[in-house]
Amino acid sequence: MNSTIRVAFATNDKENIDAHFGKSKQFQTYKISAKESIFLENIDIKEKNTDKTISLLEDIDLVYFVDIGPVAAAKIIRKGIFPIKYKEIIRIKDELKKLESMLSKNPPPFIKKILKKRAA
């Protein structure tokens, strides 16, 4: 089973999950395993277009943000991306550690489903 997931964080400052999905200036992307988090790329959002933004995230498993509209949420779910909304600002570094820990133990069912899909 592939033990990595790909995650994107909506961010305006490159350090925190601090942006609305549709208003984010960029997404920081990472490949995460139980042992490490590897920075993949910073995806700059040049145009506020939900469909274009989603197409830039098509290889992502989870996307984090502080808010999202219902239409955008439905679209990312249809693309197989799991949305995670935080009401408060969270440090990306802290969330990476949490995800590594989660993968090293007994991941929740939605993470197991992602790992199974990646292994196929």
PDB file of N, CA and C in Angstrom:
ATOM      1  N   MET A   1       0.852  -1.193   0.000  1.00  0.00           N
ATOM      2  CA  MET A   1       0.000   0.000   0.000  1.00  0.00           C
ATOM      3  C   MET A   1       0.888   1.244   0.000  1.00  0.00           C
ATOM      4  N   ASN A   2       0.592   2.173  -0.880  1.00  0.00           N
ATOM      5  CA  ASN A   2       1.302   3.446  -0.911  1.00  0.00           C
ATOM      6  C   ASN A   2       1.005   4.186   0.386  1.00  0.00           C
ATOM      7  N   SER A   3       2.040   4.588   1.082  1.00  0.00           N
ATOM      8  CA  SER A   3       1.833   5.203   2.391  1.00  0.00           C
ATOM      9  C   SER A   3       2.036   6.717   2.370  1.00  0.00           C
ATOM     10  N   THR A   4       1.803   7.330   1.221  1.00  0.00           N
ATOM     11  CA  THR A   4       1.908   8.784   1.142  1.00  0.00           C
ATOM     12  C   THR A   4       0.606   9.392   0.652  1.00  0.00           C
ATOM     13  N   ILE A   5       0.400  10.626   1.088  1.00  0.00           N
ATOM     14  CA  ILE A   5      -0.734  11.405   0.605  1.00  0.00           C
ATOM     15  C   ILE A   5      -0.199  12.745   0.122  1.00  0.00           C
ATOM     16  N   ARG A   6      -0.965  13.387  -0.737  1.00  0.00           N
ATOM     17  CA  ARG A   6      -0.600  14.709  -1.243  1.00  0.00           C
ATOM     18  C   ARG A   6      -1.617  15.711  -0.717  1.00  0.00           C
ATOM     19  N   VAL A   7      -1.079  16.781  -0.162  1.00  0.00           N
ATOM     20  CA  VAL A   7      -1.914  17.751   0.539  1.00  0.00           C
ATOM     21  C   VAL A   7      -1.609  19.158   0.033  1.00  0.00           C
ATOM     22  N   ALA A   8      -2.652  19.986  -0.037  1.00  0.00           N
ATOM     23  CA  ALA A   8      -2.493  21.401  -0.397  1.00  0.00           C
ATOM     24  C   ALA A   8      -3.090  22.254   0.717  1.00  0.00           C
ATOM     25  N   PHE A   9      -2.407  23.350   1.016  1.00  0.00           N
ATOM     26  CA  PHE A   9      -2.862  24.289   2.039  1.00  0.00           C
ATOM     27  C   PHE A   9      -3.122  25.647   1.397  1.00  0.00           C
ATOM     28  N   ALA A  10      -4.339  26.151   1.543  1.00  0.00           N
ATOM     29  CA  ALA A  10      -4.659  27.490   1.043  1.00  0.00           C
ATOM     30  C   ALA A  10      -3.991  28.492   1.978  1.00  0.00           C
ATOM     31  N   THR A  11      -3.132  29.326   1.415  1.00  0.00           N
ATOM     32  CA  THR A  11      -2.355  30.239   2.241  1.00  0.00           C
ATOM     33  C   THR A  11      -2.105  31.562   1.528  1.00  0.00           C
ATOM     34  N   ASN A  12      -2.079  32.597   2.299  1.00  0.00           N
ATOM     35  CA  ASN A  12      -1.697  33.904   1.762  1.00  0.00           C
ATOM     36  C   ASN A  12      -0.294  34.300   2.199  1.00  0.00           C
ATOM     37  N   ASP A  13       0.216  33.628   3.258  1.00  0.00           N
ATOM     38  CA  ASP A  13       1.525  34.016   3.795  1.00  0.00           C
ATOM     39  C   ASP A  13       2.570  32.900   3.740  1.00  0.00           C
ATOM     40  N   LYS A  14       2.242  31.757   3.167  1.00  0.00           N
ATOM     41  CA  LYS A  14       3.127  30.596   3.005  1.00  0.00           C
ATOM     42  C   LYS A  14       3.509  29.923   4.322  1.00  0.00           C
ATOM     43  N   GLU A  15       2.916  30.331   5.434  1.00  0.00           N
ATOM     44  CA  GLU A  15       3.220  29.730   6.732  1.00  0.00           C
ATOM     45  C   GLU A  15       1.989  29.182   7.432  1.00  0.00           C
ATOM     46  N   ASN A  16       0.824  29.706   7.085  1.00  0.00           N
ATOM     47  CA  ASN A  16      -0.409  29.351   7.781  1.00  0.00           C
ATOM     48  C   ASN A  16      -1.508  28.946   6.812  1.00  0.00           C
ATOM     49  N   ILE A  17      -2.406  28.114   7.313  1.00  0.00           N
ATOM     50  CA  ILE A  17      -3.653  27.847   6.602  1.00  0.00           C
ATOM     51  C   ILE A  17      -4.531  29.031   6.975  1.00  0.00           C
ATOM     52  N   ASP A  18      -4.579  30.029   6.104  1.00  0.00           N
ATOM     53  CA  ASP A  18      -5.201  31.308   6.467  1.00  0.00           C
ATOM     54  C   ASP A  18      -6.060  31.907   5.354  1.00  0.00           C
ATOM     55  N   ALA A  19      -6.428  31.076   4.373  1.00  0.00           N
ATOM     56  CA  ALA A  19      -7.123  31.632   3.219  1.00  0.00           C
ATOM     57  C   ALA A  19      -8.401  30.864   2.889  1.00  0.00           C
ATOM     58  N   HIS A  20      -9.355  31.596   2.360  1.00  0.00           N
ATOM     59  CA  HIS A  20     -10.581  31.048   1.767  1.00  0.00           C
ATOM     60  C   HIS A  20     -10.162  30.340   0.489  1.00  0.00           C
ATOM     61  N   PHE A  21     -10.747  29.198   0.197  1.00  0.00           N
ATOM     62  CA  PHE A  21     -10.370  28.440  -0.997  1.00  0.00           C
ATOM     63  C   PHE A  21     -10.383  29.317  -2.247  1.00  0.00           C
ATOM     64  N   GLY A  22     -11.450  30.032  -2.470  1.00  0.00           N
ATOM     65  CA  GLY A  22     -11.597  30.824  -3.687  1.00  0.00           C
ATOM     66  C   GLY A  22     -10.859  32.146  -3.694  1.00  0.00           C
ATOM     67  N   LYS A  23     -10.331  32.550  -2.546  1.00  0.00           N
ATOM     68  CA  LYS A  23      -9.618  33.825  -2.465  1.00  0.00           C
ATOM     69  C   LYS A  23      -8.142  33.650  -2.161  1.00  0.00           C
ATOM     70  N   SER A  24      -7.694  32.413  -2.081  1.00  0.00           N
ATOM     71  CA  SER A  24      -6.300  32.138  -1.755  1.00  0.00           C
ATOM     72  C   SER A  24      -5.375  32.645  -2.852  1.00  0.00           C
ATOM     73  N   LYS A  25      -4.261  33.221  -2.439  1.00  0.00           N
ATOM     74  CA  LYS A  25      -3.247  33.681  -3.391  1.00  0.00           C
ATOM     75  C   LYS A  25      -2.385  32.523  -3.875  1.00  0.00           C
ATOM     76  N   GLN A  26      -2.320  31.473  -3.047  1.00  0.00           N
ATOM     77  CA  GLN A  26      -1.477  30.336  -3.396  1.00  0.00           C
ATOM     78  C   GLN A  26      -1.845  29.119  -2.559  1.00  0.00           C
ATOM     79  N   PHE A  27      -1.347  27.980  -3.014  1.00  0.00           N
ATOM     80  CA  PHE A  27      -1.472  26.724  -2.287  1.00  0.00           C
ATOM     81  C   PHE A  27      -0.082  26.134  -2.138  1.00  0.00           C
ATOM     82  N   GLN A  28       0.299  25.807  -0.918  1.00  0.00           N
ATOM     83  CA  GLN A  28       1.544  25.094  -0.651  1.00  0.00           C
ATOM     84  C   GLN A  28       1.201  23.612  -0.728  1.00  0.00           C
ATOM     85  N   THR A  29       1.961  22.835  -1.505  1.00  0.00           N
ATOM     86  CA  THR A  29       1.658  21.414  -1.645  1.00  0.00           C
ATOM     87  C   THR A  29       2.790  20.561  -1.086  1.00  0.00           C
ATOM     88  N   TYR A  30       2.403  19.440  -0.491  1.00  0.00           N
ATOM     89  CA  TYR A  30       3.343  18.540   0.161  1.00  0.00           C
ATOM     90  C   TYR A  30       2.973  17.095  -0.118  1.00  0.00           C
ATOM     91  N   LYS A  31       3.993  16.241  -0.117  1.00  0.00           N
ATOM     92  CA  LYS A  31       3.828  14.795  -0.121  1.00  0.00           C
ATOM     93  C   LYS A  31       4.171  14.354   1.296  1.00  0.00           C
ATOM     94  N   ILE A  32       3.248  13.655   1.937  1.00  0.00           N
ATOM     95  CA  ILE A  32       3.403  13.345   3.356  1.00  0.00           C
ATOM     96  C   ILE A  32       3.370  11.833   3.564  1.00  0.00           C
ATOM     97  N   SER A  33       4.320  11.361   4.383  1.00  0.00           N
ATOM     98  CA  SER A  33       4.346   9.967   4.810  1.00  0.00           C
ATOM     99  C   SER A  33       4.423   9.949   6.333  1.00  0.00           C
ATOM    100  N   ALA A  34       4.501   8.770   6.896  1.00  0.00           N
ATOM    101  CA  ALA A  34       4.610   8.647   8.356  1.00  0.00           C
ATOM    102  C   ALA A  34       5.944   9.173   8.865  1.00  0.00           C
ATOM    103  N   LYS A  35       6.934   9.267   7.986  1.00  0.00           N
ATOM    104  CA  LYS A  35       8.281   9.664   8.400  1.00  0.00           C
ATOM    105  C   LYS A  35       8.658  11.098   8.062  1.00  0.00           C
ATOM    106  N   GLU A  36       8.023  11.668   7.022  1.00  0.00           N
ATOM    107  CA  GLU A  36       8.444  13.001   6.599  1.00  0.00           C
ATOM    108  C   GLU A  36       7.392  13.689   5.742  1.00  0.00           C
ATOM    109  N   SER A  37       7.569  14.986   5.623  1.00  0.00           N
ATOM    110  CA  SER A  37       6.763  15.813   4.725  1.00  0.00           C
ATOM    111  C   SER A  37       7.724  16.461   3.739  1.00  0.00           C
ATOM    112  N   ILE A  38       7.438  16.283   2.472  1.00  0.00           N
ATOM    113  CA  ILE A  38       8.299  16.833   1.427  1.00  0.00           C
ATOM    114  C   ILE A  38       7.525  17.924   0.697  1.00  0.00           C
ATOM    115  N   PHE A  39       8.089  19.126   0.699  1.00  0.00           N
ATOM    116  CA  PHE A  39       7.483  20.235  -0.035  1.00  0.00           C
ATOM    117  C   PHE A  39       7.559  19.921  -1.515  1.00  0.00           C
ATOM    118  N   LEU A  40       6.431  20.030  -2.208  1.00  0.00           N
ATOM    119  CA  LEU A  40       6.393  19.774  -3.643  1.00  0.00           C
ATOM    120  C   LEU A  40       6.496  21.066  -4.443  1.00  0.00           C
ATOM    121  N   GLU A  41       5.535  21.963  -4.210  1.00  0.00           N
ATOM    122  CA  GLU A  41       5.557  23.225  -4.952  1.00  0.00           C
ATOM    123  C   GLU A  41       4.589  24.230  -4.347  1.00  0.00           C
ATOM    124  N   ASN A  42       4.818  25.453  -4.717  1.00  0.00           N
ATOM    125  CA  ASN A  42       3.892  26.532  -4.394  1.00  0.00           C
ATOM    126  C   ASN A  42       3.101  26.810  -5.665  1.00  0.00           C
ATOM    127  N   ILE A  43       1.799  26.653  -5.583  1.00  0.00           N
ATOM    128  CA  ILE A  43       0.947  26.924  -6.746  1.00  0.00           C
ATOM    129  C   ILE A  43       0.376  28.319  -6.585  1.00  0.00           C
ATOM    130  N   ASP A  44       0.832  29.242  -7.418  1.00  0.00           N
ATOM    131  CA  ASP A  44       0.315  30.610  -7.398  1.00  0.00           C
ATOM    132  C   ASP A  44      -1.003  30.670  -8.139  1.00  0.00           C
ATOM    133  N   ILE A  45      -1.967  31.344  -7.540  1.00  0.00           N
ATOM    134  CA  ILE A  45      -3.274  31.509  -8.167  1.00  0.00           C
ATOM    135  C   ILE A  45      -3.306  32.909  -8.786  1.00  0.00           C
ATOM    136  N   LYS A  46      -3.260  32.946 -10.094  1.00  0.00           N
ATOM    137  CA  LYS A  46      -3.198  34.217 -10.806  1.00  0.00           C
ATOM    138  C   LYS A  46      -4.579  34.765 -11.156  1.00  0.00           C
ATOM    139  N   GLU A  47      -5.555  33.854 -11.206  1.00  0.00           N
ATOM    140  CA  GLU A  47      -6.903  34.228 -11.640  1.00  0.00           C
ATOM    141  C   GLU A  47      -7.915  33.558 -10.713  1.00  0.00           C
ATOM    142  N   LYS A  48      -8.874  34.316 -10.265  1.00  0.00           N
ATOM    143  CA  LYS A  48      -9.907  33.768  -9.382  1.00  0.00           C
ATOM    144  C   LYS A  48     -10.939  33.018 -10.218  1.00  0.00           C
ATOM    145  N   ASN A  49     -10.654  31.731 -10.447  1.00  0.00           N
ATOM    146  CA  ASN A  49     -11.526  30.875 -11.253  1.00  0.00           C
ATOM    147  C   ASN A  49     -11.512  29.494 -10.605  1.00  0.00           C
ATOM    148  N   THR A  50     -12.609  29.095 -10.018  1.00  0.00           N
ATOM    149  CA  THR A  50     -12.685  27.843  -9.262  1.00  0.00           C
ATOM    150  C   THR A  50     -12.258  26.644 -10.093  1.00  0.00           C
ATOM    151  N   ASP A  51     -12.751  26.538 -11.302  1.00  0.00           N
ATOM    152  CA  ASP A  51     -12.420  25.382 -12.129  1.00  0.00           C
ATOM    153  C   ASP A  51     -10.925  25.320 -12.444  1.00  0.00           C
ATOM    154  N   LYS A  52     -10.304  26.453 -12.729  1.00  0.00           N
ATOM    155  CA  LYS A  52      -8.865  26.479 -13.007  1.00  0.00           C
ATOM    156  C   LYS A  52      -8.069  26.125 -11.750  1.00  0.00           C
ATOM    157  N   THR A  53      -8.505  26.649 -10.613  1.00  0.00           N
ATOM    158  CA  THR A  53      -7.816  26.330  -9.356  1.00  0.00           C
ATOM    159  C   THR A  53      -7.891  24.834  -9.081  1.00  0.00           C
ATOM    160  N   ILE A  54      -9.068  24.257  -9.235  1.00  0.00           N
ATOM    161  CA  ILE A  54      -9.227  22.824  -8.999  1.00  0.00           C
ATOM    162  C   ILE A  54      -8.359  22.017  -9.966  1.00  0.00           C
ATOM    163  N   SER A  55      -8.261  22.443 -11.214  1.00  0.00           N
ATOM    164  CA  SER A  55      -7.425  21.711 -12.173  1.00  0.00           C
ATOM    165  C   SER A  55      -5.953  21.743 -11.765  1.00  0.00           C
ATOM    166  N   LEU A  56      -5.518  22.812 -11.101  1.00  0.00           N
ATOM    167  CA  LEU A  56      -4.139  22.890 -10.615  1.00  0.00           C
ATOM    168  C   LEU A  56      -3.890  21.951  -9.432  1.00  0.00           C
ATOM    169  N   LEU A  57      -4.962  21.530  -8.782  1.00  0.00           N
ATOM    170  CA  LEU A  57      -4.865  20.668  -7.597  1.00  0.00           C
ATOM    171  C   LEU A  57      -5.269  19.222  -7.901  1.00  0.00           C
ATOM    172  N   GLU A  58      -5.325  18.837  -9.158  1.00  0.00           N
ATOM    173  CA  GLU A  58      -5.912  17.543  -9.501  1.00  0.00           C
ATOM    174  C   GLU A  58      -5.169  16.336  -8.938  1.00  0.00           C
ATOM    175  N   ASP A  59      -3.896  16.441  -8.568  1.00  0.00           N
ATOM    176  CA  ASP A  59      -3.157  15.311  -7.986  1.00  0.00           C
ATOM    177  C   ASP A  59      -3.147  15.364  -6.455  1.00  0.00           C
ATOM    178  N   ILE A  60      -3.979  16.209  -5.881  1.00  0.00           N
ATOM    179  CA  ILE A  60      -4.026  16.412  -4.429  1.00  0.00           C
ATOM    180  C   ILE A  60      -5.108  15.530  -3.818  1.00  0.00           C
ATOM    181  N   ASP A  61      -4.822  15.014  -2.622  1.00  0.00           N
ATOM    182  CA  ASP A  61      -5.784  14.177  -1.903  1.00  0.00           C
ATOM    183  C   ASP A  61      -6.611  14.970  -0.897  1.00  0.00           C
ATOM    184  N   LEU A  62      -5.961  15.878  -0.181  1.00  0.00           N
ATOM    185  CA  LEU A  62      -6.619  16.715   0.830  1.00  0.00           C
ATOM    186  C   LEU A  62      -6.300  18.163   0.548  1.00  0.00           C
ATOM    187  N   VAL A  63      -7.279  19.042   0.734  1.00  0.00           N
ATOM    188  CA  VAL A  63      -7.016  20.476   0.623  1.00  0.00           C
ATOM    189  C   VAL A  63      -7.578  21.155   1.871  1.00  0.00           C
ATOM    190  N   TYR A  64      -6.754  21.984   2.468  1.00  0.00           N
ATOM    191  CA  TYR A  64      -7.097  22.702   3.698  1.00  0.00           C
ATOM    192  C   TYR A  64      -7.340  24.174   3.394  1.00  0.00           C
ATOM    193  N   PHE A  65      -8.276  24.778   4.124  1.00  0.00           N
ATOM    194  CA  PHE A  65      -8.607  26.189   3.958  1.00  0.00           C
ATOM    195  C   PHE A  65      -9.382  26.650   5.176  1.00  0.00           C
ATOM    196  N   VAL A  66      -9.649  27.959   5.262  1.00  0.00           N
ATOM    197  CA  VAL A  66     -10.462  28.471   6.373  1.00  0.00           C
ATOM    198  C   VAL A  66     -11.924  28.621   5.984  1.00  0.00           C
ATOM    199  N   ASP A  67     -12.220  28.601   4.699  1.00  0.00           N
ATOM    200  CA  ASP A  67     -13.613  28.658   4.255  1.00  0.00           C
ATOM    201  C   ASP A  67     -13.676  28.278   2.780  1.00  0.00           C
ATOM    202  N   ILE A  68     -14.889  27.932   2.339  1.00  0.00           N
ATOM    203  CA  ILE A  68     -15.109  27.562   0.941  1.00  0.00           C
ATOM    204  C   ILE A  68     -16.592  27.723   0.643  1.00  0.00           C
ATOM    205  N   GLY A  69     -16.903  28.106  -0.552  1.00  0.00           N
ATOM    206  CA  GLY A  69     -18.302  28.195  -0.969  1.00  0.00           C
ATOM    207  C   GLY A  69     -18.844  26.811  -1.282  1.00  0.00           C
ATOM    208  N   PRO A  70     -20.167  26.648  -1.233  1.00  0.00           N
ATOM    209  CA  PRO A  70     -20.765  25.325  -1.456  1.00  0.00           C
ATOM    210  C   PRO A  70     -20.535  24.769  -2.863  1.00  0.00           C
ATOM    211  N   VAL A  71     -20.516  25.623  -3.870  1.00  0.00           N
ATOM    212  CA  VAL A  71     -20.295  25.151  -5.243  1.00  0.00           C
ATOM    213  C   VAL A  71     -18.863  24.642  -5.388  1.00  0.00           C
ATOM    214  N   ALA A  72     -17.901  25.396  -4.887  1.00  0.00           N
ATOM    215  CA  ALA A  72     -16.499  24.969  -4.961  1.00  0.00           C
ATOM    216  C   ALA A  72     -16.298  23.678  -4.165  1.00  0.00           C
ATOM    217  N   ALA A  73     -16.915  23.574  -2.995  1.00  0.00           N
ATOM    218  CA  ALA A  73     -16.792  22.363  -2.176  1.00  0.00           C
ATOM    219  C   ALA A  73     -17.302  21.143  -2.941  1.00  0.00           C
ATOM    220  N   ALA A  74     -18.445  21.279  -3.581  1.00  0.00           N
ATOM    221  CA  ALA A  74     -18.999  20.172  -4.358  1.00  0.00           C
ATOM    222  C   ALA A  74     -18.070  19.785  -5.511  1.00  0.00           C
ATOM    223  N   LYS A  75     -17.478  20.770  -6.150  1.00  0.00           N
ATOM    224  CA  LYS A  75     -16.587  20.499  -7.284  1.00  0.00           C
ATOM    225  C   LYS A  75     -15.319  19.768  -6.852  1.00  0.00           C
ATOM    226  N   ILE A  76     -14.717  20.165  -5.731  1.00  0.00           N
ATOM    227  CA  ILE A  76     -13.485  19.477  -5.320  1.00  0.00           C
ATOM    228  C   ILE A  76     -13.790  18.056  -4.848  1.00  0.00           C
ATOM    229  N   ILE A  77     -14.928  17.873  -4.212  1.00  0.00           N
ATOM    230  CA  ILE A  77     -15.316  16.532  -3.785  1.00  0.00           C
ATOM    231  C   ILE A  77     -15.535  15.637  -5.002  1.00  0.00           C
ATOM    232  N   ARG A  78     -16.186  16.164  -6.041  1.00  0.00           N
ATOM    233  CA  ARG A  78     -16.398  15.391  -7.276  1.00  0.00           C
ATOM    234  C   ARG A  78     -15.073  15.003  -7.937  1.00  0.00           C
ATOM    235  N   LYS A  79     -14.044  15.804  -7.737  1.00  0.00           N
ATOM    236  CA  LYS A  79     -12.715  15.506  -8.297  1.00  0.00           C
ATOM    237  C   LYS A  79     -11.939  14.524  -7.420  1.00  0.00           C
ATOM    238  N   GLY A  80     -12.527  14.116  -6.296  1.00  0.00           N
ATOM    239  CA  GLY A  80     -11.863  13.152  -5.416  1.00  0.00           C
ATOM    240  C   GLY A  80     -10.916  13.779  -4.414  1.00  0.00           C
ATOM    241  N   ILE A  81     -11.040  15.083  -4.222  1.00  0.00           N
ATOM    242  CA  ILE A  81     -10.207  15.798  -3.248  1.00  0.00           C
ATOM    243  C   ILE A  81     -11.031  15.968  -1.972  1.00  0.00           C
ATOM    244  N   PHE A  82     -10.444  15.597  -0.845  1.00  0.00           N
ATOM    245  CA  PHE A  82     -11.152  15.684   0.427  1.00  0.00           C
ATOM    246  C   PHE A  82     -10.934  17.074   1.025  1.00  0.00           C
ATOM    247  N   PRO A  83     -11.991  17.842   1.281  1.00  0.00           N
ATOM    248  CA  PRO A  83     -11.845  19.195   1.839  1.00  0.00           C
ATOM    249  C   PRO A  83     -11.762  19.178   3.367  1.00  0.00           C
ATOM    250  N   ILE A  84     -10.869  20.003   3.900  1.00  0.00           N
ATOM    251  CA  ILE A  84     -10.761  20.148   5.352  1.00  0.00           C
ATOM    252  C   ILE A  84     -10.784  21.633   5.679  1.00  0.00           C
ATOM    253  N   LYS A  85     -11.797  22.008   6.443  1.00  0.00           N
ATOM    254  CA  LYS A  85     -12.009  23.412   6.797  1.00  0.00           C
ATOM    255  C   LYS A  85     -11.664  23.645   8.266  1.00  0.00           C
ATOM    256  N   TYR A  86     -10.840  24.659   8.498  1.00  0.00           N
ATOM    257  CA  TYR A  86     -10.546  25.114   9.853  1.00  0.00           C
ATOM    258  C   TYR A  86     -11.164  26.491  10.026  1.00  0.00           C
ATOM    259  N   LYS A  87     -11.800  26.720  11.143  1.00  0.00           N
ATOM    260  CA  LYS A  87     -12.379  28.045  11.397  1.00  0.00           C
ATOM    261  C   LYS A  87     -11.328  29.036  11.869  1.00  0.00           C
ATOM    262  N   GLU A  88     -10.231  28.507  12.435  1.00  0.00           N
ATOM    263  CA  GLU A  88      -9.164  29.382  12.907  1.00  0.00           C
ATOM    264  C   GLU A  88      -7.918  29.154  12.051  1.00  0.00           C
ATOM    265  N   ILE A  89      -6.991  30.080  12.124  1.00  0.00           N
ATOM    266  CA  ILE A  89      -5.742  29.980  11.380  1.00  0.00           C
ATOM    267  C   ILE A  89      -4.842  28.953  12.067  1.00  0.00           C
ATOM    268  N   ILE A  90      -4.298  28.033  11.282  1.00  0.00           N
ATOM    269  CA  ILE A  90      -3.442  26.959  11.772  1.00  0.00           C
ATOM    270  C   ILE A  90      -2.107  27.045  11.032  1.00  0.00           C
ATOM    271  N   ARG A  91      -1.018  26.798  11.754  1.00  0.00           N
ATOM    272  CA  ARG A  91       0.304  26.784  11.108  1.00  0.00           C
ATOM    273  C   ARG A  91       0.450  25.541  10.237  1.00  0.00           C
ATOM    274  N   ILE A  92       0.934  25.708   9.032  1.00  0.00           N
ATOM    275  CA  ILE A  92       1.136  24.584   8.123  1.00  0.00           C
ATOM    276  C   ILE A  92       2.080  23.564   8.757  1.00  0.00           C
ATOM    277  N   LYS A  93       3.147  24.030   9.362  1.00  0.00           N
ATOM    278  CA  LYS A  93       4.122  23.141   9.987  1.00  0.00           C
ATOM    279  C   LYS A  93       3.466  22.240  11.036  1.00  0.00           C
ATOM    280  N   ASP A  94       2.550  22.794  11.817  1.00  0.00           N
ATOM    281  CA  ASP A  94       1.858  22.004  12.840  1.00  0.00           C
ATOM    282  C   ASP A  94       0.952  20.949  12.211  1.00  0.00           C
ATOM    283  N   GLU A  95       0.276  21.308  11.150  1.00  0.00           N
ATOM    284  CA  GLU A  95      -0.614  20.353  10.485  1.00  0.00           C
ATOM    285  C   GLU A  95       0.183  19.239   9.815  1.00  0.00           C
ATOM    286  N   LEU A  96       1.355  19.557   9.278  1.00  0.00           N
ATOM    287  CA  LEU A  96       2.210  18.530   8.683  1.00  0.00           C
ATOM    288  C   LEU A  96       2.606  17.490   9.728  1.00  0.00           C
ATOM    289  N   LYS A  97       3.012  17.941  10.903  1.00  0.00           N
ATOM    290  CA  LYS A  97       3.389  17.016  11.980  1.00  0.00           C
ATOM    291  C   LYS A  97       2.201  16.149  12.388  1.00  0.00           C
ATOM    292  N   LYS A  98       1.026  16.750  12.463  1.00  0.00           N
ATOM    293  CA  LYS A  98      -0.187  16.014  12.820  1.00  0.00           C
ATOM    294  C   LYS A  98      -0.475  14.926  11.783  1.00  0.00           C
ATOM    295  N   LEU A  99      -0.338  15.258  10.504  1.00  0.00           N
ATOM    296  CA  LEU A  99      -0.593  14.283   9.443  1.00  0.00           C
ATOM    297  C   LEU A  99       0.442  13.155   9.460  1.00  0.00           C
ATOM    298  N   GLU A 100       1.711  13.476   9.677  1.00  0.00           N
ATOM    299  CA  GLU A 100       2.746  12.441   9.781  1.00  0.00           C
ATOM    300  C   GLU A 100       2.414  11.479  10.914  1.00  0.00           C
ATOM    301  N   SER A 101       2.041  12.027  12.057  1.00  0.00           N
ATOM    302  CA  SER A 101       1.687  11.208  13.212  1.00  0.00           C
ATOM    303  C   SER A 101       0.476  10.327  12.904  1.00  0.00           C
ATOM    304  N   MET A 102      -0.519  10.900  12.261  1.00  0.00           N
ATOM    305  CA  MET A 102      -1.728  10.161  11.910  1.00  0.00           C
ATOM    306  C   MET A 102      -1.387   8.984  10.987  1.00  0.00           C
ATOM    307  N   LEU A 103      -0.493   9.213  10.032  1.00  0.00           N
ATOM    308  CA  LEU A 103      -0.108   8.151   9.099  1.00  0.00           C
ATOM    309  C   LEU A 103       0.730   7.069   9.775  1.00  0.00           C
ATOM    310  N   SER A 104       1.456   7.418  10.823  1.00  0.00           N
ATOM    311  CA  SER A 104       2.310   6.444  11.502  1.00  0.00           C
ATOM    312  C   SER A 104       1.531   5.540  12.450  1.00  0.00           C
ATOM    313  N   LYS A 105       0.317   5.929  12.771  1.00  0.00           N
ATOM    314  CA  LYS A 105      -0.498   5.141  13.705  1.00  0.00           C
ATOM    315  C   LYS A 105      -1.610   4.457  12.929  1.00  0.00           C
ATOM    316  N   ASN A 106      -2.814   4.608  13.389  1.00  0.00           N
ATOM    317  CA  ASN A 106      -3.972   4.018  12.729  1.00  0.00           C
ATOM    318  C   ASN A 106      -4.786   5.155  12.106  1.00  0.00           C
ATOM    319  N   PRO A 107      -4.567   5.453  10.818  1.00  0.00           N
ATOM    320  CA  PRO A 107      -5.262   6.591  10.198  1.00  0.00           C
ATOM    321  C   PRO A 107      -6.778   6.408  10.215  1.00  0.00           C
ATOM    322  N   PRO A 108      -7.512   7.526  10.232  1.00  0.00           N
ATOM    323  CA  PRO A 108      -8.969   7.437  10.169  1.00  0.00           C
ATOM    324  C   PRO A 108      -9.411   6.862   8.822  1.00  0.00           C
ATOM    325  N   PRO A 109     -10.656   6.395   8.751  1.00  0.00           N
ATOM    326  CA  PRO A 109     -11.146   5.742   7.522  1.00  0.00           C
ATOM    327  C   PRO A 109     -10.967   6.565   6.246  1.00  0.00           C
ATOM    328  N   PHE A 110     -11.173   7.884   6.299  1.00  0.00           N
ATOM    329  CA  PHE A 110     -11.048   8.663   5.063  1.00  0.00           C
ATOM    330  C   PHE A 110      -9.601   8.684   4.564  1.00  0.00           C
ATOM    331  N   ILE A 111      -8.624   8.646   5.476  1.00  0.00           N
ATOM    332  CA  ILE A 111      -7.212   8.586   5.072  1.00  0.00           C
ATOM    333  C   ILE A 111      -6.893   7.193   4.520  1.00  0.00           C
ATOM    334  N   LYS A 112      -7.419   6.153   5.148  1.00  0.00           N
ATOM    335  CA  LYS A 112      -7.210   4.798   4.647  1.00  0.00           C
ATOM    336  C   LYS A 112      -7.756   4.654   3.231  1.00  0.00           C
ATOM    337  N   LYS A 113      -8.891   5.275   2.968  1.00  0.00           N
ATOM    338  CA  LYS A 113      -9.482   5.226   1.632  1.00  0.00           C
ATOM    339  C   LYS A 113      -8.569   5.920   0.613  1.00  0.00           C
ATOM    340  N   ILE A 114      -7.984   7.044   1.003  1.00  0.00           N
ATOM    341  CA  ILE A 114      -7.051   7.754   0.116  1.00  0.00           C
ATOM    342  C   ILE A 114      -5.814   6.890  -0.148  1.00  0.00           C
ATOM    343  N   LEU A 115      -5.264   6.269   0.898  1.00  0.00           N
ATOM    344  CA  LEU A 115      -4.084   5.427   0.743  1.00  0.00           C
ATOM    345  C   LEU A 115      -4.384   4.240  -0.180  1.00  0.00           C
ATOM    346  N   LYS A 116      -5.559   3.674  -0.038  1.00  0.00           N
ATOM    347  CA  LYS A 116      -5.962   2.543  -0.887  1.00  0.00           C
ATOM    348  C   LYS A 116      -6.073   2.993  -2.346  1.00  0.00           C
ATOM    349  N   LYS A 117      -6.656   4.174  -2.566  1.00  0.00           N
ATOM    350  CA  LYS A 117      -6.793   4.719  -3.920  1.00  0.00           C
ATOM    351  C   LYS A 117      -5.412   4.981  -4.538  1.00  0.00           C
ATOM    352  N   ARG A 118      -4.491   5.512  -3.757  1.00  0.00           N
ATOM    353  CA  ARG A 118      -3.144   5.805  -4.249  1.00  0.00           C
ATOM    354  C   ARG A 118      -2.401   4.522  -4.597  1.00  0.00           C
ATOM    355  N   ALA A 119      -2.682   3.431  -3.869  1.00  0.00           N
ATOM    356  CA  ALA A 119      -1.998   2.160  -4.092  1.00  0.00           C
ATOM    357  C   ALA A 119      -2.523   1.444  -5.342  1.00  0.00           C
ATOM    358  N   ALA A 120      -3.710   1.799  -5.768  1.00  0.00           N
ATOM    359  CA  ALA A 120      -4.329   1.100  -6.921  1.00  0.00           C
ATOM    360  C   ALA A 120      -3.651   1.450  -8.229  1.00  0.00           C
TER     361      ALA A 120
END
